[in-house]
Each structure stands twice: as structure tokens, then as C-alpha cells.
Protein backbone atom coordinates (compact mmCIF):
# COMPACT_ATOMS: atom_id res chain seq x y z
CA MET A 1 -5.21 -8.88 1.99
CA LYS A 2 -7.64 -6.00 2.40
CA LYS A 3 -11.17 -6.42 1.01
CA ILE A 4 -12.73 -3.88 -1.34
CA GLU A 5 -15.97 -3.86 0.68
CA ASP A 6 -13.97 -2.52 3.64
CA ILE A 7 -12.61 0.48 1.74
CA LEU A 8 -14.32 3.89 1.68
CA VAL A 9 -13.54 5.93 -1.45
CA VAL A 10 -14.09 9.57 -0.58
CA ILE A 11 -13.80 12.95 -2.28
CA GLN A 12 -13.68 15.87 0.12
CA ALA A 13 -14.37 19.33 -1.29
CA ARG A 14 -15.22 22.89 -0.27
CA LEU A 15 -15.73 26.28 -1.93
CA ASN A 16 -13.64 28.65 0.19
CA SER A 17 -10.54 28.58 -2.03
CA GLU A 18 -8.95 32.05 -2.08
CA ARG A 19 -6.58 31.67 -5.04
CA VAL A 20 -9.28 30.29 -7.38
CA PRO A 21 -12.65 31.34 -5.90
CA GLN A 22 -15.23 28.52 -5.90
CA LYS A 23 -12.76 26.37 -7.81
CA MET A 24 -14.79 23.17 -7.47
CA ILE A 25 -17.85 24.53 -9.29
CA LYS A 26 -16.24 27.11 -11.57
CA PRO A 27 -17.07 26.28 -15.24
CA PHE A 28 -14.33 24.04 -16.64
CA ASN A 29 -14.79 23.11 -20.31
CA ASN A 30 -18.58 22.70 -19.95
CA THR A 31 -18.28 20.82 -16.68
CA THR A 32 -16.68 21.34 -13.24
CA LEU A 33 -13.77 19.87 -11.32
CA VAL A 34 -16.09 18.17 -8.86
CA ASP A 35 -18.15 16.61 -11.67
CA ILE A 36 -14.98 15.36 -13.36
CA ALA A 37 -13.86 13.78 -10.09
CA ILE A 38 -17.26 12.12 -9.61
CA ASP A 39 -17.14 10.75 -13.17
CA LYS A 40 -13.70 9.22 -12.55
CA ILE A 41 -15.12 7.08 -9.74
CA LEU A 42 -18.45 6.28 -11.41
CA ASN A 43 -16.57 5.09 -14.51
CA SER A 44 -14.77 2.48 -12.43
CA LYS A 45 -15.90 -1.12 -12.81
CA PHE A 46 -13.97 -2.01 -9.67
CA ILE A 47 -15.14 0.47 -7.02
CA PRO A 48 -18.56 -0.43 -5.55
CA LYS A 49 -20.86 2.59 -5.82
CA GLU A 50 -22.03 2.08 -2.23
CA ASN A 51 -18.42 2.63 -1.09
CA PHE A 52 -18.18 6.04 -2.77
CA TYR A 53 -18.98 9.21 -0.80
CA LEU A 54 -18.51 12.94 -1.24
CA SER A 55 -17.80 14.86 1.95
CA VAL A 56 -19.07 18.43 1.40
CA TYR A 57 -20.68 21.27 3.32
CA ASP A 58 -21.51 24.07 0.86
CA LYS A 59 -25.09 23.94 -0.41
CA GLU A 60 -23.96 24.21 -4.05
CA LEU A 61 -21.80 21.09 -3.64
CA VAL A 62 -24.53 19.29 -1.71
CA GLU A 63 -26.93 19.89 -4.62
CA ILE A 64 -24.43 18.57 -7.16
CA VAL A 65 -23.93 15.41 -5.10
CA LYS A 66 -27.67 14.85 -4.77
CA ASN A 67 -28.26 15.48 -8.48
CA ARG A 68 -25.53 13.00 -9.40
CA GLY A 69 -27.15 10.34 -7.22
CA VAL A 70 -24.02 9.50 -5.22
CA ASN A 71 -23.59 9.12 -1.49
CA LEU A 72 -23.35 12.32 0.54
CA TYR A 73 -21.54 12.81 3.83
CA LYS A 74 -22.71 16.20 5.12
CA ARG A 75 -19.51 17.83 6.29
CA SER A 76 -19.72 20.25 9.22
CA LYS A 77 -18.98 23.96 8.89
CA ASP A 78 -16.02 23.57 11.27
CA SER A 79 -14.50 20.95 8.99
CA ALA A 80 -15.09 22.90 5.77
CA PHE A 81 -13.77 26.25 6.98
CA CYS A 82 -10.93 25.16 9.26
CA ASP A 83 -7.43 25.91 7.94
CA ASP A 84 -5.65 25.48 11.27
CA THR A 85 -3.47 22.41 10.78
CA SER A 86 -2.84 22.24 14.53
CA LYS A 87 -6.44 21.12 14.98
CA PRO A 88 -7.07 17.40 15.59
CA MET A 89 -7.14 15.15 12.52
CA THR A 90 -10.75 14.31 13.33
CA VAL A 91 -11.81 17.90 12.57
CA PHE A 92 -10.82 17.52 8.92
CA TYR A 93 -11.76 13.88 8.44
CA GLU A 94 -14.75 13.73 10.75
CA TRP A 95 -16.27 10.78 8.87
CA TRP A 96 -13.59 8.47 10.30
CA ASN A 97 -15.96 6.87 12.84
CA LYS A 98 -19.29 7.65 11.16
CA LEU A 99 -19.05 5.59 7.98
CA PRO A 100 -18.91 1.77 8.20
CA PHE A 101 -15.50 1.09 6.66
CA LYS A 102 -12.13 -0.10 7.96
CA TYR A 103 -9.99 1.77 5.41
CA CYS A 104 -10.33 4.90 3.30
CA VAL A 105 -8.95 6.14 -0.01
CA LEU A 106 -9.09 9.92 -0.44
CA VAL A 107 -9.15 11.21 -4.03
CA ASN A 108 -8.20 14.85 -4.66
CA ALA A 109 -10.74 16.61 -6.92
CA CYS A 110 -8.15 19.21 -8.03
CA ASN A 111 -6.42 16.78 -10.41
CA PRO A 112 -8.56 16.64 -13.58
CA PHE A 113 -6.07 14.42 -15.47
CA LEU A 114 -6.06 11.66 -12.87
CA GLU A 115 -7.34 8.54 -14.66
CA THR A 116 -9.89 5.99 -13.48
CA ASN A 117 -7.46 3.15 -14.22
CA THR A 118 -4.87 4.79 -11.98
CA ILE A 119 -7.35 5.14 -9.12
CA ASP A 120 -8.33 1.48 -9.54
CA SER A 121 -4.69 0.36 -9.65
CA PHE A 122 -3.89 2.43 -6.56
CA ILE A 123 -6.69 0.76 -4.61
CA LYS A 124 -5.76 -2.73 -5.81
CA SER A 125 -2.12 -2.18 -4.83
CA TYR A 126 -3.22 -0.86 -1.44
CA MET A 127 -5.33 -3.96 -0.91
CA GLU A 128 -2.29 -6.17 -1.60
CA SER A 129 0.01 -4.04 0.57
CA GLU A 130 0.77 -4.86 4.19
CA SER A 131 0.94 -1.14 4.96
CA ASP A 132 -2.02 0.63 6.58
CA GLY A 133 -1.08 3.82 4.72
CA PHE A 134 -0.57 4.35 0.99
CA PHE A 135 0.42 7.43 -1.01
CA ALA A 136 0.82 8.38 -4.68
CA VAL A 137 4.21 9.71 -5.82
CA ILE A 138 5.85 10.90 -9.04
CA LYS A 139 9.14 9.40 -10.24
CA LYS A 140 11.81 12.02 -10.93
CA LYS A 141 15.22 11.75 -12.54
CA ASN A 142 16.84 15.10 -11.95
CA TYR A 143 19.42 16.99 -9.93
CA PHE A 144 18.44 18.50 -6.56
CA TRP A 145 20.00 20.86 -3.98
CA ASP A 146 19.07 21.66 -0.37
CA ASP A 147 18.41 25.09 1.22
CA ASN A 148 22.15 25.77 1.47
CA PHE A 149 22.66 24.84 -2.21
CA ASN A 150 24.45 21.64 -1.30
CA MET A 151 23.84 18.97 -3.91
CA ILE A 152 21.54 16.18 -2.75
CA THR A 153 21.69 14.10 -5.92
CA ASP A 154 24.60 11.68 -6.17
CA TRP A 155 26.70 12.76 -9.15
CA PRO A 156 27.39 9.84 -11.51
CA LYS A 157 30.98 8.67 -11.11
CA GLY A 158 33.30 9.77 -13.90
CA GLU A 159 30.74 12.09 -15.53
CA ILE A 160 31.56 15.70 -16.40
CA LEU A 161 28.23 16.88 -17.82
CA MET A 162 24.76 16.52 -16.35
CA ASN A 163 23.07 13.39 -17.65
CA THR A 164 19.72 12.54 -16.06
CA LYS A 165 19.80 9.07 -17.62
CA LEU A 166 22.65 8.07 -15.33
CA ILE A 167 21.24 9.18 -11.98
CA GLY A 168 18.97 7.29 -9.61
CA ASN A 169 15.26 7.84 -9.15
CA THR A 170 13.80 10.31 -6.67
CA TYR A 171 10.11 10.34 -5.77
CA GLU A 172 7.99 13.44 -5.25
CA ALA A 173 4.67 13.66 -3.40
CA ALA A 174 1.78 13.64 -5.89
CA HIS A 175 -0.92 14.97 -3.49
CA CYS A 176 -3.81 13.28 -5.29
CA LEU A 177 -4.30 9.78 -3.84
CA TYR A 178 -4.06 8.85 -0.16
CA ALA A 179 -5.05 5.78 1.84
CA SER A 180 -5.28 5.18 5.57
CA ARG A 181 -6.91 3.05 8.21
CA MET A 182 -10.00 4.77 9.59
CA ASP A 183 -9.28 4.10 13.26
CA LYS A 184 -5.79 5.61 12.97
CA ILE A 185 -7.40 8.94 12.07
CA GLY A 186 -9.08 8.82 15.46
CA ASP A 187 -5.63 8.44 17.01
CA GLY A 188 -4.42 11.53 15.15
CA VAL A 189 -2.50 9.60 12.48
CA TRP A 190 -3.10 10.19 8.76
CA MET A 191 -1.68 7.32 6.69
CA GLY A 192 1.28 6.64 9.00
CA ASP A 193 4.90 7.64 9.61
CA PHE A 194 6.94 8.60 6.52
CA ASN A 195 10.14 8.31 8.58
CA LYS A 196 9.44 4.65 9.35
CA TYR A 197 10.35 2.53 6.33
CA GLY A 198 7.38 0.61 4.96
CA ASP A 199 4.83 2.24 7.25
CA ILE A 200 3.36 4.06 4.23
CA GLY A 201 3.46 2.33 0.86
CA LEU A 202 4.35 4.47 -2.17
CA PHE A 203 2.57 4.18 -5.51
CA PRO A 204 4.19 5.88 -8.57
CA ILE A 205 1.86 7.55 -11.07
CA LYS A 206 2.41 9.53 -14.27
CA GLU A 207 3.46 13.12 -13.64
CA GLU A 208 0.73 14.61 -15.84
CA GLU A 209 -1.96 12.89 -13.77
CA ALA A 210 -0.72 14.71 -10.66
CA PHE A 211 -1.21 18.19 -12.16
CA ASP A 212 -2.83 20.07 -9.27
CA ILE A 213 -4.88 23.24 -9.72
CA ASP A 214 -4.07 25.85 -7.05
CA TYR A 215 -3.84 29.08 -9.06
CA GLU A 216 -5.80 30.77 -11.85
CA TRP A 217 -3.03 30.18 -14.40
CA GLN A 218 -3.11 26.47 -13.58
CA PHE A 219 -6.90 26.43 -13.92
CA GLU A 220 -6.70 28.08 -17.35
CA MET A 221 -3.85 25.85 -18.54
CA ALA A 222 -5.61 22.70 -17.33
CA GLU A 223 -8.90 23.68 -18.95
CA SER A 224 -7.19 24.30 -22.30
CA HIS A 225 -5.36 20.98 -22.17
CA TYR A 226 -8.47 19.11 -21.00
CA LYS A 227 -10.40 20.52 -23.98
CA LYS A 228 -7.71 19.33 -26.41
CA ILE A 229 -7.71 15.86 -24.88
CA ASN A 230 -11.50 15.62 -25.23
CA GLU A 231 -11.38 16.84 -28.82
CA ARG A 232 -8.77 14.24 -29.72
CA GLY A 233 -10.91 11.55 -28.12
CA ARG A 234 -13.95 12.27 -30.28
């Protein structure tokens, strides 16, 4: 079983988003996405604070990290501004051999509805897993087709009408929680091999927690919903 003291919990952020400029620090219901993400980890009673780092380059993000009193990994300019996915894995996750941990859990700051309990449960399940890689997914019960419009979903035997209650589960990438062994990053491997059964463990989460902000309309929708949630909680 993996030990919590061996696990780095890291949020990696930058400000060069084109679809939502400066998304991480743009005002979001009297806070910011990066502050919300920091709060999720700080609210945990399971994650040791010394294991929690933010990997950032932009001076605005550096100042936020320092003001919040959490650990800072000063990301390089090459890492923050590189969008070439053909570059080595170590360009993006350059902390892999610079921070004293055996494993890492990467938390996406673009998911404001991701809950602290879910992050904790993800880490606990990863610790119990024999897999070196771990990945959050969303359970789906729906009908799917491929690029040639051939049905992928197995149609329930004897059924005439679509009935999602009768079909099997499919799992969709959530893109908000990832886990990997640090030394594998140095070998150019992030998490593991999805085509090798069991190499990467899958962890189902609620669909609403995986809501990812990439566009302005998503930012506005998320902010409105976040405000309603906070008002109901008062």
C-alpha cells in the first residue's frame, strides 16, 4: 500500500489561456478558480499541507501562492508556455525529479465543483491500488456511435425503443484528477498505458464535479451555478 507521505498533491496553472484570457485569476463570484482549487486542498483533513504544491510561473499566480501560504514550485517559462505535445513529458511536469515524493496526484484547477471529499477518496483509493497510475472517470449510460455512425453501444436484446436503464455502463475521461509515479514521468510515461488492462486504475466521480471550464460560456454558467450553491449553503 502506498503511503500518504510519499504522495505529492500538485496544482499546475498558467495564465496564457486563449479562450478565456487569464482564466485562473479572472474574478469568479468574489474569488478565482485558483483560489477555489487551493481551498479544496486546504480544507482536506487527510492531505498533509507539506505535500501540497502549486506549480506556476506567472508573477500574478506566484503572488497568490505566496499570499495563501502554500508551497510554491516555480515553474519555468518553457513549461508554462509550451503547447507542443511532442515535447518530452519532463518539459510539462518538470518537478518530477525536483520534489521529494515517489508519487504525484495532479488536481485540475478548472473544475470548481470538484469536492474535497472526492479528492481525498481518489487519493485513498490510489493508495490502496496496485496500479502506478490512476485516473478519474464519469459513468455514462447512453447510446454511442463511431465516426462512421456505426453503433458502439450494445442494443438490449428484444428491445424496440431506446432505454438507457437496460444498457451497460460506459466510462468517460473526467480530466480533473490524475495520479502517476514520479520516476515514470522521467521515462516519458504519464500515468501508464490505457491499452494495458489494470495499468491505470479508474475512479468514477459525479459528472457535475467534472465540469471543466474551457470557454467563456462555461465560465459564466459555472460562476452562476457556483453562486447559487454558495447561497443555498448559507
